[in-house]
Amino acid sequence: MSARSKARKRAVDILFEAEQRGLNARDLLAERLAKPVTDAPLNQYTADLVEGVVSHWTDINELLSTYSQGWTIERMPSVDRAILRLGAYEVVYTEDVPDGVAISEAVELATSLSTDDSPKFVNGLLGRLAEVKPTLA
């Protein structure tokens, strides 16, 4: 697993944990940076991803709600929400990660962390965001 893939996994872990515990993801990130809970401290890319998602939280949730056909964001499994928020951030708001890579990484996370149906759902929703991305600016 590449360093960036590990960073994405850790970012999803933080986003998921924050939601489950009812915490602000930025506050949980600060806590993890100050006092790591694993032997390997969080790297900068993980922090950048979490900060990016939190900075665009409302817009990302609106995009996911708008383009997920037949699914409200509240109805999605929690882990899928975390994966989709991260993927949407990378697809819509970052320039240094190709859309295909961001989508592929999100699908891989869904494959390893969520239900059998999740990878297809994540792929379709993030693919749709990549399609409409030029109209979002």
N, C-alpha and C. Protein backbone atom coordinates (compact mmCIF):
# COMPACT_ATOMS: atom_id res chain seq x y z
N MET A 1 0.85 -1.18 0.00
CA MET A 1 0.00 0.00 0.00
C MET A 1 0.89 1.24 0.00
N SER A 2 0.60 2.16 -0.90
CA SER A 2 1.42 3.37 -0.99
C SER A 2 1.19 4.28 0.21
N ALA A 3 2.10 5.22 0.38
CA ALA A 3 1.99 6.18 1.50
C ALA A 3 0.70 6.98 1.40
N ARG A 4 0.33 7.38 0.19
CA ARG A 4 -0.90 8.16 0.03
C ARG A 4 -2.13 7.31 0.30
N SER A 5 -2.09 6.04 -0.09
CA SER A 5 -3.21 5.14 0.19
C SER A 5 -3.38 4.98 1.70
N LYS A 6 -2.28 4.82 2.41
CA LYS A 6 -2.34 4.72 3.87
C LYS A 6 -2.88 6.01 4.49
N ALA A 7 -2.46 7.14 3.93
CA ALA A 7 -2.93 8.43 4.43
C ALA A 7 -4.44 8.56 4.22
N ARG A 8 -4.92 8.10 3.07
CA ARG A 8 -6.36 8.15 2.80
C ARG A 8 -7.12 7.27 3.79
N LYS A 9 -6.62 6.08 4.04
CA LYS A 9 -7.25 5.16 4.99
C LYS A 9 -7.32 5.81 6.37
N ARG A 10 -6.24 6.43 6.79
CA ARG A 10 -6.24 7.09 8.10
C ARG A 10 -7.19 8.28 8.13
N ALA A 11 -7.29 9.00 7.02
CA ALA A 11 -8.23 10.12 6.96
C ALA A 11 -9.67 9.61 7.09
N VAL A 12 -9.97 8.52 6.39
CA VAL A 12 -11.31 7.92 6.51
C VAL A 12 -11.56 7.48 7.94
N ASP A 13 -10.55 6.89 8.57
CA ASP A 13 -10.69 6.46 9.97
C ASP A 13 -11.06 7.65 10.86
N ILE A 14 -10.39 8.77 10.67
CA ILE A 14 -10.67 9.96 11.49
C ILE A 14 -12.06 10.51 11.20
N LEU A 15 -12.42 10.60 9.93
CA LEU A 15 -13.74 11.11 9.56
C LEU A 15 -14.85 10.21 10.13
N PHE A 16 -14.65 8.91 10.02
CA PHE A 16 -15.62 7.95 10.53
C PHE A 16 -15.73 8.03 12.06
N GLU A 17 -14.58 8.01 12.72
CA GLU A 17 -14.58 8.06 14.18
C GLU A 17 -15.21 9.34 14.70
N ALA A 18 -14.89 10.45 14.07
CA ALA A 18 -15.46 11.73 14.51
C ALA A 18 -16.98 11.70 14.41
N GLU A 19 -17.49 11.18 13.32
CA GLU A 19 -18.94 11.11 13.16
C GLU A 19 -19.56 10.19 14.20
N GLN A 20 -18.95 9.04 14.42
CA GLN A 20 -19.49 8.08 15.38
C GLN A 20 -19.50 8.64 16.81
N ARG A 21 -18.49 9.42 17.12
CA ARG A 21 -18.37 9.98 18.47
C ARG A 21 -19.02 11.35 18.62
N GLY A 22 -19.57 11.88 17.52
CA GLY A 22 -20.21 13.18 17.57
C GLY A 22 -19.23 14.32 17.76
N LEU A 23 -18.02 14.15 17.23
CA LEU A 23 -16.97 15.17 17.36
C LEU A 23 -16.75 15.88 16.03
N ASN A 24 -16.15 17.04 16.10
CA ASN A 24 -15.70 17.72 14.90
C ASN A 24 -14.43 17.01 14.43
N ALA A 25 -14.38 16.66 13.16
CA ALA A 25 -13.23 15.93 12.62
C ALA A 25 -11.93 16.72 12.78
N ARG A 26 -12.02 18.03 12.68
CA ARG A 26 -10.82 18.87 12.84
C ARG A 26 -10.29 18.77 14.28
N ASP A 27 -11.19 18.73 15.25
CA ASP A 27 -10.78 18.59 16.65
C ASP A 27 -10.15 17.22 16.90
N LEU A 28 -10.76 16.18 16.34
CA LEU A 28 -10.20 14.83 16.50
C LEU A 28 -8.83 14.74 15.84
N LEU A 29 -8.68 15.35 14.67
CA LEU A 29 -7.39 15.38 13.99
C LEU A 29 -6.34 16.04 14.88
N ALA A 30 -6.67 17.18 15.45
CA ALA A 30 -5.73 17.89 16.32
C ALA A 30 -5.32 17.01 17.51
N GLU A 31 -6.31 16.31 18.05
CA GLU A 31 -6.03 15.39 19.17
C GLU A 31 -5.08 14.28 18.74
N ARG A 32 -5.32 13.70 17.57
CA ARG A 32 -4.46 12.61 17.06
C ARG A 32 -3.07 13.10 16.71
N LEU A 33 -2.95 14.32 16.23
CA LEU A 33 -1.64 14.87 15.91
C LEU A 33 -0.84 15.14 17.18
N ALA A 34 -1.53 15.64 18.20
CA ALA A 34 -0.86 15.96 19.46
C ALA A 34 -0.51 14.71 20.25
N LYS A 35 -1.37 13.72 20.16
CA LYS A 35 -1.19 12.52 20.97
C LYS A 35 -1.58 11.29 20.12
N PRO A 36 -0.66 10.79 19.29
CA PRO A 36 -0.97 9.64 18.41
C PRO A 36 -1.40 8.41 19.22
N VAL A 37 -2.33 7.65 18.64
CA VAL A 37 -2.81 6.44 19.30
C VAL A 37 -2.17 5.18 18.69
N THR A 38 -1.34 5.38 17.68
CA THR A 38 -0.62 4.26 17.06
C THR A 38 0.87 4.57 17.08
N ASP A 39 1.67 3.55 16.76
CA ASP A 39 3.12 3.74 16.72
C ASP A 39 3.54 4.72 15.63
N ALA A 40 2.80 4.70 14.53
CA ALA A 40 3.12 5.60 13.42
C ALA A 40 2.27 6.86 13.52
N PRO A 41 2.89 8.02 13.72
CA PRO A 41 2.09 9.25 13.78
C PRO A 41 1.45 9.56 12.42
N LEU A 42 0.39 10.35 12.45
CA LEU A 42 -0.27 10.74 11.21
C LEU A 42 0.67 11.56 10.35
N ASN A 43 0.62 11.30 9.06
CA ASN A 43 1.48 12.11 8.18
C ASN A 43 0.73 13.37 7.72
N GLN A 44 1.45 14.24 7.08
CA GLN A 44 0.89 15.52 6.66
C GLN A 44 -0.23 15.36 5.66
N TYR A 45 -0.13 14.37 4.77
CA TYR A 45 -1.17 14.19 3.77
C TYR A 45 -2.50 13.81 4.42
N THR A 46 -2.46 12.98 5.45
CA THR A 46 -3.68 12.65 6.19
C THR A 46 -4.31 13.92 6.76
N ALA A 47 -3.48 14.73 7.39
CA ALA A 47 -3.97 15.99 7.97
C ALA A 47 -4.55 16.89 6.89
N ASP A 48 -3.86 17.00 5.76
CA ASP A 48 -4.35 17.84 4.66
C ASP A 48 -5.71 17.36 4.15
N LEU A 49 -5.87 16.04 4.05
CA LEU A 49 -7.14 15.49 3.57
C LEU A 49 -8.28 15.79 4.54
N VAL A 50 -8.05 15.54 5.81
CA VAL A 50 -9.11 15.80 6.80
C VAL A 50 -9.44 17.29 6.83
N GLU A 51 -8.42 18.14 6.84
CA GLU A 51 -8.65 19.59 6.83
C GLU A 51 -9.44 20.00 5.59
N GLY A 52 -9.08 19.43 4.45
CA GLY A 52 -9.77 19.76 3.20
C GLY A 52 -11.24 19.36 3.24
N VAL A 53 -11.51 18.15 3.71
CA VAL A 53 -12.90 17.70 3.81
C VAL A 53 -13.68 18.61 4.75
N VAL A 54 -13.12 18.91 5.91
CA VAL A 54 -13.81 19.75 6.88
C VAL A 54 -14.04 21.16 6.32
N SER A 55 -13.06 21.69 5.61
CA SER A 55 -13.19 23.04 5.03
C SER A 55 -14.31 23.13 4.01
N HIS A 56 -14.60 22.02 3.34
CA HIS A 56 -15.64 22.01 2.29
C HIS A 56 -16.83 21.15 2.68
N TRP A 57 -16.99 20.89 3.98
CA TRP A 57 -17.99 19.96 4.51
C TRP A 57 -19.39 20.18 3.94
N THR A 58 -19.88 21.37 4.04
CA THR A 58 -21.25 21.66 3.61
C THR A 58 -21.41 21.45 2.11
N ASP A 59 -20.46 21.95 1.33
CA ASP A 59 -20.53 21.79 -0.13
C ASP A 59 -20.42 20.32 -0.53
N ILE A 60 -19.53 19.59 0.13
CA ILE A 60 -19.38 18.16 -0.18
C ILE A 60 -20.67 17.41 0.14
N ASN A 61 -21.25 17.66 1.28
CA ASN A 61 -22.52 17.01 1.63
C ASN A 61 -23.62 17.35 0.64
N GLU A 62 -23.64 18.59 0.21
CA GLU A 62 -24.65 19.01 -0.78
C GLU A 62 -24.44 18.28 -2.11
N LEU A 63 -23.19 18.17 -2.54
CA LEU A 63 -22.89 17.45 -3.78
C LEU A 63 -23.29 15.98 -3.67
N LEU A 64 -22.95 15.36 -2.57
CA LEU A 64 -23.29 13.95 -2.39
C LEU A 64 -24.79 13.75 -2.36
N SER A 65 -25.50 14.63 -1.70
CA SER A 65 -26.96 14.55 -1.65
C SER A 65 -27.58 14.77 -3.02
N THR A 66 -27.05 15.73 -3.75
CA THR A 66 -27.60 16.07 -5.06
C THR A 66 -27.40 14.96 -6.08
N TYR A 67 -26.24 14.33 -6.09
CA TYR A 67 -25.90 13.39 -7.15
C TYR A 67 -26.04 11.92 -6.78
N SER A 68 -26.42 11.61 -5.56
CA SER A 68 -26.67 10.21 -5.20
C SER A 68 -28.14 9.92 -5.44
N GLN A 69 -28.40 9.17 -6.48
CA GLN A 69 -29.78 8.92 -6.88
C GLN A 69 -30.44 7.93 -5.94
N GLY A 70 -31.53 8.37 -5.32
CA GLY A 70 -32.31 7.50 -4.46
C GLY A 70 -31.75 7.31 -3.07
N TRP A 71 -30.67 8.01 -2.73
CA TRP A 71 -30.06 7.86 -1.40
C TRP A 71 -29.87 9.23 -0.78
N THR A 72 -30.40 9.41 0.42
CA THR A 72 -30.05 10.61 1.16
C THR A 72 -28.71 10.35 1.83
N ILE A 73 -28.01 11.39 2.17
CA ILE A 73 -26.71 11.21 2.81
C ILE A 73 -26.86 10.51 4.16
N GLU A 74 -27.96 10.76 4.85
CA GLU A 74 -28.20 10.13 6.14
C GLU A 74 -28.44 8.63 6.02
N ARG A 75 -28.93 8.19 4.88
CA ARG A 75 -29.25 6.78 4.65
C ARG A 75 -28.01 5.96 4.29
N MET A 76 -26.97 6.62 3.84
CA MET A 76 -25.74 5.91 3.47
C MET A 76 -25.06 5.35 4.72
N PRO A 77 -24.43 4.19 4.59
CA PRO A 77 -23.65 3.68 5.73
C PRO A 77 -22.58 4.70 6.14
N SER A 78 -22.32 4.80 7.42
CA SER A 78 -21.37 5.79 7.93
C SER A 78 -20.00 5.70 7.28
N VAL A 79 -19.51 4.50 7.09
CA VAL A 79 -18.18 4.36 6.48
C VAL A 79 -18.22 4.83 5.03
N ASP A 80 -19.33 4.58 4.34
CA ASP A 80 -19.45 5.07 2.96
C ASP A 80 -19.45 6.59 2.92
N ARG A 81 -20.13 7.21 3.87
CA ARG A 81 -20.12 8.68 3.93
C ARG A 81 -18.70 9.20 4.09
N ALA A 82 -17.93 8.59 4.97
CA ALA A 82 -16.55 9.04 5.18
C ALA A 82 -15.72 8.86 3.90
N ILE A 83 -15.87 7.72 3.25
CA ILE A 83 -15.14 7.45 2.01
C ILE A 83 -15.57 8.43 0.92
N LEU A 84 -16.87 8.63 0.79
CA LEU A 84 -17.39 9.54 -0.25
C LEU A 84 -16.98 10.99 0.00
N ARG A 85 -16.99 11.40 1.25
CA ARG A 85 -16.56 12.79 1.55
C ARG A 85 -15.09 12.98 1.14
N LEU A 86 -14.27 12.01 1.48
CA LEU A 86 -12.86 12.09 1.11
C LEU A 86 -12.70 12.06 -0.41
N GLY A 87 -13.38 11.12 -1.05
CA GLY A 87 -13.29 11.02 -2.51
C GLY A 87 -13.80 12.27 -3.21
N ALA A 88 -14.92 12.80 -2.73
CA ALA A 88 -15.48 14.02 -3.32
C ALA A 88 -14.50 15.18 -3.17
N TYR A 89 -13.89 15.28 -2.00
CA TYR A 89 -12.89 16.34 -1.79
C TYR A 89 -11.77 16.21 -2.81
N GLU A 90 -11.23 15.01 -2.98
CA GLU A 90 -10.12 14.84 -3.91
C GLU A 90 -10.55 15.09 -5.36
N VAL A 91 -11.74 14.61 -5.73
CA VAL A 91 -12.20 14.79 -7.12
C VAL A 91 -12.49 16.26 -7.42
N VAL A 92 -13.20 16.92 -6.54
CA VAL A 92 -13.70 18.27 -6.83
C VAL A 92 -12.72 19.37 -6.46
N TYR A 93 -11.97 19.20 -5.37
CA TYR A 93 -11.20 20.32 -4.83
C TYR A 93 -9.68 20.21 -4.94
N THR A 94 -9.15 19.09 -5.33
CA THR A 94 -7.70 18.99 -5.44
C THR A 94 -7.27 18.94 -6.90
N GLU A 95 -6.13 19.49 -7.17
CA GLU A 95 -5.60 19.52 -8.54
C GLU A 95 -4.48 18.50 -8.74
N ASP A 96 -3.86 18.06 -7.65
CA ASP A 96 -2.68 17.20 -7.79
C ASP A 96 -3.00 15.71 -7.86
N VAL A 97 -4.27 15.34 -7.70
CA VAL A 97 -4.67 13.94 -7.80
C VAL A 97 -5.63 13.79 -8.98
N PRO A 98 -5.27 12.98 -9.98
CA PRO A 98 -6.20 12.76 -11.09
C PRO A 98 -7.51 12.16 -10.59
N ASP A 99 -8.61 12.55 -11.21
CA ASP A 99 -9.92 12.06 -10.79
C ASP A 99 -9.97 10.54 -10.75
N GLY A 100 -9.42 9.90 -11.77
CA GLY A 100 -9.43 8.44 -11.83
C GLY A 100 -8.72 7.80 -10.65
N VAL A 101 -7.63 8.40 -10.22
CA VAL A 101 -6.89 7.88 -9.06
C VAL A 101 -7.72 8.06 -7.79
N ALA A 102 -8.30 9.23 -7.62
CA ALA A 102 -9.12 9.49 -6.43
C ALA A 102 -10.29 8.51 -6.36
N ILE A 103 -10.94 8.28 -7.49
CA ILE A 103 -12.07 7.36 -7.53
C ILE A 103 -11.61 5.93 -7.25
N SER A 104 -10.53 5.52 -7.89
CA SER A 104 -10.00 4.18 -7.68
C SER A 104 -9.63 3.93 -6.22
N GLU A 105 -9.00 4.92 -5.61
CA GLU A 105 -8.61 4.79 -4.20
C GLU A 105 -9.86 4.69 -3.31
N ALA A 106 -10.88 5.47 -3.61
CA ALA A 106 -12.12 5.43 -2.82
C ALA A 106 -12.81 4.08 -2.99
N VAL A 107 -12.82 3.56 -4.20
CA VAL A 107 -13.43 2.25 -4.45
C VAL A 107 -12.67 1.17 -3.69
N GLU A 108 -11.36 1.26 -3.67
CA GLU A 108 -10.55 0.30 -2.92
C GLU A 108 -10.86 0.36 -1.43
N LEU A 109 -11.01 1.56 -0.90
CA LEU A 109 -11.38 1.70 0.51
C LEU A 109 -12.76 1.09 0.77
N ALA A 110 -13.70 1.34 -0.12
CA ALA A 110 -15.04 0.78 0.04
C ALA A 110 -15.01 -0.75 -0.04
N THR A 111 -14.15 -1.28 -0.90
CA THR A 111 -14.02 -2.72 -1.03
C THR A 111 -13.51 -3.35 0.26
N SER A 112 -12.55 -2.70 0.88
CA SER A 112 -11.94 -3.28 2.08
C SER A 112 -12.69 -2.93 3.37
N LEU A 113 -13.47 -1.86 3.38
CA LEU A 113 -14.08 -1.40 4.63
C LEU A 113 -15.60 -1.52 4.71
N SER A 114 -16.27 -1.69 3.58
CA SER A 114 -17.73 -1.57 3.62
C SER A 114 -18.41 -2.80 3.04
N THR A 115 -19.64 -2.63 2.60
CA THR A 115 -20.47 -3.73 2.11
C THR A 115 -20.11 -4.12 0.68
N ASP A 116 -20.66 -5.22 0.24
CA ASP A 116 -20.40 -5.70 -1.12
C ASP A 116 -20.92 -4.73 -2.18
N ASP A 117 -21.98 -4.00 -1.87
CA ASP A 117 -22.57 -3.06 -2.82
C ASP A 117 -21.87 -1.69 -2.83
N SER A 118 -21.11 -1.41 -1.80
CA SER A 118 -20.52 -0.08 -1.65
C SER A 118 -19.54 0.32 -2.75
N PRO A 119 -18.63 -0.57 -3.19
CA PRO A 119 -17.68 -0.14 -4.23
C PRO A 119 -18.37 0.38 -5.49
N LYS A 120 -19.42 -0.30 -5.91
CA LYS A 120 -20.15 0.12 -7.11
C LYS A 120 -20.81 1.48 -6.89
N PHE A 121 -21.42 1.65 -5.71
CA PHE A 121 -22.08 2.92 -5.38
C PHE A 121 -21.06 4.06 -5.33
N VAL A 122 -19.94 3.84 -4.64
CA VAL A 122 -18.89 4.85 -4.53
C VAL A 122 -18.35 5.20 -5.92
N ASN A 123 -18.10 4.19 -6.74
CA ASN A 123 -17.58 4.42 -8.09
C ASN A 123 -18.57 5.26 -8.90
N GLY A 124 -19.84 4.90 -8.85
CA GLY A 124 -20.85 5.63 -9.63
C GLY A 124 -21.02 7.07 -9.19
N LEU A 125 -21.08 7.29 -7.89
CA LEU A 125 -21.31 8.64 -7.37
C LEU A 125 -20.09 9.54 -7.62
N LEU A 126 -18.90 9.03 -7.33
CA LEU A 126 -17.71 9.85 -7.57
C LEU A 126 -17.46 10.04 -9.07
N GLY A 127 -17.79 9.04 -9.87
CA GLY A 127 -17.69 9.19 -11.32
C GLY A 127 -18.60 10.29 -11.83
N ARG A 128 -19.79 10.35 -11.27
CA ARG A 128 -20.73 11.41 -11.65
C ARG A 128 -20.19 12.78 -11.25
N LEU A 129 -19.61 12.88 -10.06
CA LEU A 129 -19.01 14.15 -9.64
C LEU A 129 -17.88 14.56 -10.58
N ALA A 130 -17.08 13.61 -11.01
CA ALA A 130 -16.00 13.91 -11.95
C ALA A 130 -16.58 14.43 -13.28
N GLU A 131 -17.70 13.85 -13.71
CA GLU A 131 -18.35 14.29 -14.96
C GLU A 131 -18.85 15.73 -14.86
N VAL A 132 -19.47 16.07 -13.74
CA VAL A 132 -20.07 17.39 -13.60
C VAL A 132 -19.10 18.43 -13.06
N LYS A 133 -17.92 18.01 -12.67
CA LYS A 133 -16.93 18.90 -12.08
C LYS A 133 -16.71 20.20 -12.87
N PRO A 134 -16.61 20.13 -14.21
CA PRO A 134 -16.42 21.40 -14.95
C PRO A 134 -17.57 22.40 -14.78
N THR A 135 -18.75 21.93 -14.45
CA THR A 135 -19.90 22.83 -14.29
C THR A 135 -20.02 23.38 -12.87
N LEU A 136 -19.19 22.87 -11.96
CA LEU A 136 -19.30 23.26 -10.56
C LEU A 136 -18.52 24.54 -10.23
N ALA A 137 -17.59 24.92 -11.07
CA ALA A 137 -16.74 26.07 -10.77
C ALA A 137 -17.44 27.38 -10.87
